[in-house]
Structures are given as structure tokens and as C-alpha cells.
Amino acid sequence: MASEDQTQVSTPESVVASPAEVGSEKTAKKKGRKKSKRHVVDGVVHVAASFNNTVITITDPQGNTLAWSTAGKAGFKGSRKSTPFAAQVAVDGVAGYVKDEFGMKNVEVYVSGPGPGRESTLRALVASGLKIQLITDVTPIPHNGVRPSKKRRV
């Protein structure tokens, strides 16, 4: 009887799957169809430069968003988001992504807003290797619309 109680099957550790390995089999399976890699040579860069943040959106010529970034997404918080350097870092990340992922080479740039990130985004786009075909200022200008807010007294 003592021999029956002590009978154990010894298995090598490599055969027994750990709980982490079992879970990885489930995560390895992807649901849905595989996304085909698009090749977009020409793109459009929309820069929205406000006083508090800079938003960069890169689209294809039809207007479908391919990638976007902001100064906040690049890791800057508070008043540091409203600096030209924060806008430059945001452009570096998103421009490198579209060059690698979509093979983008030529861009048209539409700049909107009065913020400090306007010029630094253009410099960063040139430095990233994207060829700028067109630069347009699309800042909305009122034709005597709503009354502007009061002047700041600092």
C-alpha cells in the first residue's frame, strides 16, 4: 500500500506547460482578417496649432486618417505642450511612422491656428525627409462675425 500512495509520474519540465504558455496560445490567434499594408506615396499633413497644444494629422489624399500625434501624446504635459519643441517631437514621431508604414514621400501641408508650433512643425517635416509640395494657411478668419473676447491686461 505504501508503494501505491507514493506512485508519481515524473515528467520533464519542458513537457508541462506553464500557465503563461497556455495563455500565450490564445493571444497568438488573431481574430478577423489580416490588414493589408497600404502604400501611400502622397499624403496631406494637417497642423492645428493652438496656444495650448499642437495637433498633427496625416491623411491620404482622400482625407482618410493614417496617423496623428499631439504634443500631449508625445509626453508633454501642461504648459510644456505649448512649446515649439513639443510640436517638433510630435512631428518626428508621426512622420517616421508614415514613412516606414506607408512609404510616404511627398506631402501637402495645411496649417491652421496661431500657436507657437506652426513653424517648428514645418522645420521638423523637412528634417524628417518628407518632401513638402505645398504649404497653405487655412486659419479661419472672421468677416466681422462674432465679437472677439476682451483684451488681456497683464
C-alpha atoms as a PDB file:
ATOM      1  CA  MET A   1       0.000   0.000   0.000  1.00  0.00           C
ATOM      2  CA  ALA A   2       2.796   2.358   0.726  1.00  0.00           C
ATOM      3  CA  SER A   3       4.080   1.851  -2.781  1.00  0.00           C
ATOM      4  CA  GLU A   4       0.681   2.740  -4.260  1.00  0.00           C
ATOM      5  CA  ASP A   5       0.499   6.041  -2.336  1.00  0.00           C
ATOM      6  CA  GLN A   6       3.925   7.110  -3.486  1.00  0.00           C
ATOM      7  CA  THR A   7       3.492   6.341  -7.177  1.00  0.00           C
ATOM      8  CA  GLN A   8       4.045   9.535  -9.079  1.00  0.00           C
ATOM      9  CA  VAL A   9       4.624  10.016 -12.716  1.00  0.00           C
ATOM     10  CA  SER A  10       7.694  12.131 -13.311  1.00  0.00           C
ATOM     11  CA  THR A  11       7.525  14.295 -16.381  1.00  0.00           C
ATOM     12  CA  PRO A  12      10.212  16.579 -17.681  1.00  0.00           C
ATOM     13  CA  GLU A  13       9.511  20.279 -17.090  1.00  0.00           C
ATOM     14  CA  SER A  14       9.660  21.043 -20.802  1.00  0.00           C
ATOM     15  CA  VAL A  15       6.609  18.871 -21.460  1.00  0.00           C
ATOM     16  CA  VAL A  16       4.442  20.512 -18.797  1.00  0.00           C
ATOM     17  CA  ALA A  17       3.074  23.834 -19.976  1.00  0.00           C
ATOM     18  CA  SER A  18       3.138  26.686 -17.515  1.00  0.00           C
ATOM     19  CA  PRO A  19       0.037  28.880 -17.176  1.00  0.00           C
ATOM     20  CA  ALA A  20       1.807  31.701 -19.025  1.00  0.00           C
ATOM     21  CA  GLU A  21       2.486  29.469 -22.020  1.00  0.00           C
ATOM     22  CA  VAL A  22      -1.118  28.295 -22.163  1.00  0.00           C
ATOM     23  CA  GLY A  23      -2.342  31.900 -22.232  1.00  0.00           C
ATOM     24  CA  SER A  24       0.074  32.826 -24.998  1.00  0.00           C
ATOM     25  CA  GLU A  25      -1.515  30.285 -27.315  1.00  0.00           C
ATOM     26  CA  LYS A  26      -4.800  32.122 -27.009  1.00  0.00           C
ATOM     27  CA  THR A  27      -3.246  35.524 -27.610  1.00  0.00           C
ATOM     28  CA  ALA A  28      -1.348  34.258 -30.640  1.00  0.00           C
ATOM     29  CA  LYS A  29      -4.585  33.713 -32.553  1.00  0.00           C
ATOM     30  CA  LYS A  30      -5.839  36.894 -34.199  1.00  0.00           C
ATOM     31  CA  LYS A  31      -9.463  37.461 -34.906  1.00  0.00           C
ATOM     32  CA  GLY A  32     -10.650  38.994 -38.148  1.00  0.00           C
ATOM     33  CA  ARG A  33      -8.946  39.325 -41.469  1.00  0.00           C
ATOM     34  CA  LYS A  34      -5.373  40.460 -41.813  1.00  0.00           C
ATOM     35  CA  LYS A  35      -4.936  44.114 -42.679  1.00  0.00           C
ATOM     36  CA  SER A  36      -3.169  44.540 -45.991  1.00  0.00           C
ATOM     37  CA  LYS A  37      -0.299  47.005 -45.973  1.00  0.00           C
ATOM     38  CA  ARG A  38      -1.254  50.145 -47.873  1.00  0.00           C
ATOM     39  CA  HIS A  39       1.252  52.051 -49.957  1.00  0.00           C
ATOM     40  CA  VAL A  40       0.539  55.789 -49.888  1.00  0.00           C
ATOM     41  CA  VAL A  41       3.240  57.884 -51.565  1.00  0.00           C
ATOM     42  CA  ASP A  42       1.442  61.254 -51.419  1.00  0.00           C
ATOM     43  CA  GLY A  43      -0.172  62.499 -48.233  1.00  0.00           C
ATOM     44  CA  VAL A  44      -1.669  65.532 -46.563  1.00  0.00           C
ATOM     45  CA  VAL A  45      -0.450  66.919 -43.236  1.00  0.00           C
ATOM     46  CA  HIS A  46      -2.953  68.955 -41.227  1.00  0.00           C
ATOM     47  CA  VAL A  47      -1.390  71.049 -38.458  1.00  0.00           C
ATOM     48  CA  ALA A  48      -3.702  72.634 -35.882  1.00  0.00           C
ATOM     49  CA  ALA A  49      -1.537  74.925 -33.760  1.00  0.00           C
ATOM     50  CA  SER A  50      -3.441  76.407 -30.843  1.00  0.00           C
ATOM     51  CA  PHE A  51      -1.954  78.364 -27.963  1.00  0.00           C
ATOM     52  CA  ASN A  52      -2.165  75.307 -25.696  1.00  0.00           C
ATOM     53  CA  ASN A  53      -1.298  72.344 -27.931  1.00  0.00           C
ATOM     54  CA  THR A  54      -0.328  71.285 -31.450  1.00  0.00           C
ATOM     55  CA  VAL A  55      -2.234  68.534 -33.285  1.00  0.00           C
ATOM     56  CA  ILE A  56      -0.689  66.865 -36.355  1.00  0.00           C
ATOM     57  CA  THR A  57      -2.876  64.623 -38.521  1.00  0.00           C
ATOM     58  CA  ILE A  58      -1.551  62.850 -41.622  1.00  0.00           C
ATOM     59  CA  THR A  59      -4.133  61.677 -44.145  1.00  0.00           C
ATOM     60  CA  ASP A  60      -4.186  60.201 -47.612  1.00  0.00           C
ATOM     61  CA  PRO A  61      -5.311  62.495 -50.483  1.00  0.00           C
ATOM     62  CA  GLN A  62      -8.949  61.421 -49.953  1.00  0.00           C
ATOM     63  CA  GLY A  63      -8.849  62.575 -46.315  1.00  0.00           C
ATOM     64  CA  ASN A  64      -8.703  59.194 -44.560  1.00  0.00           C
ATOM     65  CA  THR A  65      -6.578  59.486 -41.418  1.00  0.00           C
ATOM     66  CA  LEU A  66      -3.385  57.423 -41.490  1.00  0.00           C
ATOM     67  CA  ALA A  67      -1.671  58.696 -38.334  1.00  0.00           C
ATOM     68  CA  TRP A  68      -1.918  61.502 -35.822  1.00  0.00           C
ATOM     69  CA  SER A  69       0.004  62.910 -32.914  1.00  0.00           C
ATOM     70  CA  THR A  70      -0.165  65.748 -30.442  1.00  0.00           C
ATOM     71  CA  ALA A  71       2.301  67.409 -28.131  1.00  0.00           C
ATOM     72  CA  GLY A  72       0.427  65.791 -25.245  1.00  0.00           C
ATOM     73  CA  LYS A  73       0.673  62.343 -26.821  1.00  0.00           C
ATOM     74  CA  ALA A  74       4.422  62.894 -27.239  1.00  0.00           C
ATOM     75  CA  GLY A  75       4.718  63.058 -23.456  1.00  0.00           C
ATOM     76  CA  PHE A  76       4.460  66.767 -22.689  1.00  0.00           C
ATOM     77  CA  LYS A  77       2.024  67.997 -20.043  1.00  0.00           C
ATOM     78  CA  GLY A  78       0.709  71.392 -19.042  1.00  0.00           C
ATOM     79  CA  SER A  79       2.427  74.492 -20.355  1.00  0.00           C
ATOM     80  CA  ARG A  80       5.206  72.419 -21.978  1.00  0.00           C
ATOM     81  CA  LYS A  81       2.707  71.277 -24.632  1.00  0.00           C
ATOM     82  CA  SER A  82       2.569  74.812 -25.992  1.00  0.00           C
ATOM     83  CA  THR A  83       6.259  74.957 -26.944  1.00  0.00           C
ATOM     84  CA  PRO A  84       7.775  74.680 -30.417  1.00  0.00           C
ATOM     85  CA  PHE A  85       9.960  71.798 -29.224  1.00  0.00           C
ATOM     86  CA  ALA A  86       6.905  69.755 -28.198  1.00  0.00           C
ATOM     87  CA  ALA A  87       5.425  70.241 -31.674  1.00  0.00           C
ATOM     88  CA  GLN A  88       8.729  69.168 -33.239  1.00  0.00           C
ATOM     89  CA  VAL A  89       8.850  65.955 -31.178  1.00  0.00           C
ATOM     90  CA  ALA A  90       5.244  65.153 -32.134  1.00  0.00           C
ATOM     91  CA  VAL A  91       6.038  65.601 -35.849  1.00  0.00           C
ATOM     92  CA  ASP A  92       9.186  63.458 -35.619  1.00  0.00           C
ATOM     93  CA  GLY A  93       7.219  60.513 -34.268  1.00  0.00           C
ATOM     94  CA  VAL A  94       4.329  60.622 -36.714  1.00  0.00           C
ATOM     95  CA  ALA A  95       6.470  61.417 -39.791  1.00  0.00           C
ATOM     96  CA  GLY A  96       8.761  58.464 -39.134  1.00  0.00           C
ATOM     97  CA  TYR A  97       5.737  56.206 -38.707  1.00  0.00           C
ATOM     98  CA  VAL A  98       4.109  57.118 -42.037  1.00  0.00           C
ATOM     99  CA  LYS A  99       7.424  56.841 -43.885  1.00  0.00           C
ATOM    100  CA  ASP A 100       8.022  53.325 -42.544  1.00  0.00           C
ATOM    101  CA  GLU A 101       4.455  52.028 -42.521  1.00  0.00           C
ATOM    102  CA  PHE A 102       3.055  53.558 -45.724  1.00  0.00           C
ATOM    103  CA  GLY A 103       6.151  54.546 -47.726  1.00  0.00           C
ATOM    104  CA  MET A 104       5.099  58.187 -47.837  1.00  0.00           C
ATOM    105  CA  LYS A 105       7.442  60.588 -49.624  1.00  0.00           C
ATOM    106  CA  ASN A 106       5.507  63.716 -50.661  1.00  0.00           C
ATOM    107  CA  VAL A 107       3.168  65.788 -48.509  1.00  0.00           C
ATOM    108  CA  GLU A 108       0.985  68.853 -48.754  1.00  0.00           C
ATOM    109  CA  VAL A 109       0.820  70.858 -45.521  1.00  0.00           C
ATOM    110  CA  TYR A 110      -2.244  72.752 -44.300  1.00  0.00           C
ATOM    111  CA  VAL A 111      -1.512  74.895 -41.241  1.00  0.00           C
ATOM    112  CA  SER A 112      -4.284  76.251 -39.051  1.00  0.00           C
ATOM    113  CA  GLY A 113      -4.114  78.393 -35.934  1.00  0.00           C
ATOM    114  CA  PRO A 114      -1.828  80.994 -34.353  1.00  0.00           C
ATOM    115  CA  GLY A 115       0.132  78.759 -31.973  1.00  0.00           C
ATOM    116  CA  PRO A 116       3.872  78.520 -31.343  1.00  0.00           C
ATOM    117  CA  GLY A 117       4.135  75.139 -33.096  1.00  0.00           C
ATOM    118  CA  ARG A 118       3.429  76.470 -36.597  1.00  0.00           C
ATOM    119  CA  GLU A 119       6.957  76.949 -37.905  1.00  0.00           C
ATOM    120  CA  SER A 120       8.654  74.211 -35.909  1.00  0.00           C
ATOM    121  CA  THR A 121       6.330  71.596 -37.425  1.00  0.00           C
ATOM    122  CA  LEU A 122       7.393  72.658 -40.921  1.00  0.00           C
ATOM    123  CA  ARG A 123      11.081  72.504 -39.973  1.00  0.00           C
ATOM    124  CA  ALA A 124      10.592  69.059 -38.453  1.00  0.00           C
ATOM    125  CA  LEU A 125       8.770  67.797 -41.570  1.00  0.00           C
ATOM    126  CA  VAL A 126      11.658  68.932 -43.775  1.00  0.00           C
ATOM    127  CA  ALA A 127      14.188  67.339 -41.410  1.00  0.00           C
ATOM    128  CA  SER A 128      12.271  64.039 -41.392  1.00  0.00           C
ATOM    129  CA  GLY A 129      12.852  63.582 -45.122  1.00  0.00           C
ATOM    130  CA  LEU A 130       9.316  64.155 -46.373  1.00  0.00           C
ATOM    131  CA  LYS A 131       9.214  66.373 -49.457  1.00  0.00           C
ATOM    132  CA  ILE A 132       6.811  69.290 -48.998  1.00  0.00           C
ATOM    133  CA  GLN A 133       4.866  70.019 -52.192  1.00  0.00           C
ATOM    134  CA  LEU A 134       2.570  72.764 -50.876  1.00  0.00           C
ATOM    135  CA  ILE A 135       2.154  74.876 -47.744  1.00  0.00           C
ATOM    136  CA  THR A 136      -1.216  76.541 -47.190  1.00  0.00           C
ATOM    137  CA  ASP A 137      -2.515  78.587 -44.273  1.00  0.00           C
ATOM    138  CA  VAL A 138      -6.133  77.611 -43.641  1.00  0.00           C
ATOM    139  CA  THR A 139      -6.630  79.582 -40.420  1.00  0.00           C
ATOM    140  CA  PRO A 140     -10.280  80.642 -40.279  1.00  0.00           C
ATOM    141  CA  ILE A 141     -10.591  84.440 -40.388  1.00  0.00           C
ATOM    142  CA  PRO A 142     -13.922  86.027 -39.457  1.00  0.00           C
ATOM    143  CA  HIS A 143     -15.529  88.516 -41.838  1.00  0.00           C
ATOM    144  CA  ASN A 144     -16.879  90.593 -38.955  1.00  0.00           C
ATOM    145  CA  GLY A 145     -18.633  87.657 -37.312  1.00  0.00           C
ATOM    146  CA  VAL A 146     -18.799  87.270 -33.549  1.00  0.00           C
ATOM    147  CA  ARG A 147     -17.485  89.916 -31.206  1.00  0.00           C
ATOM    148  CA  PRO A 148     -13.945  88.999 -30.069  1.00  0.00           C
ATOM    149  CA  SER A 149     -13.164  88.449 -26.402  1.00  0.00           C
ATOM    150  CA  LYS A 150     -11.866  91.339 -24.322  1.00  0.00           C
ATOM    151  CA  LYS A 151      -8.213  92.401 -24.482  1.00  0.00           C
ATOM    152  CA  ARG A 152      -5.958  90.830 -21.867  1.00  0.00           C
ATOM    153  CA  ARG A 153      -4.479  93.185 -19.289  1.00  0.00           C
ATOM    154  CA  VAL A 154      -1.352  91.572 -17.912  1.00  0.00           C
END
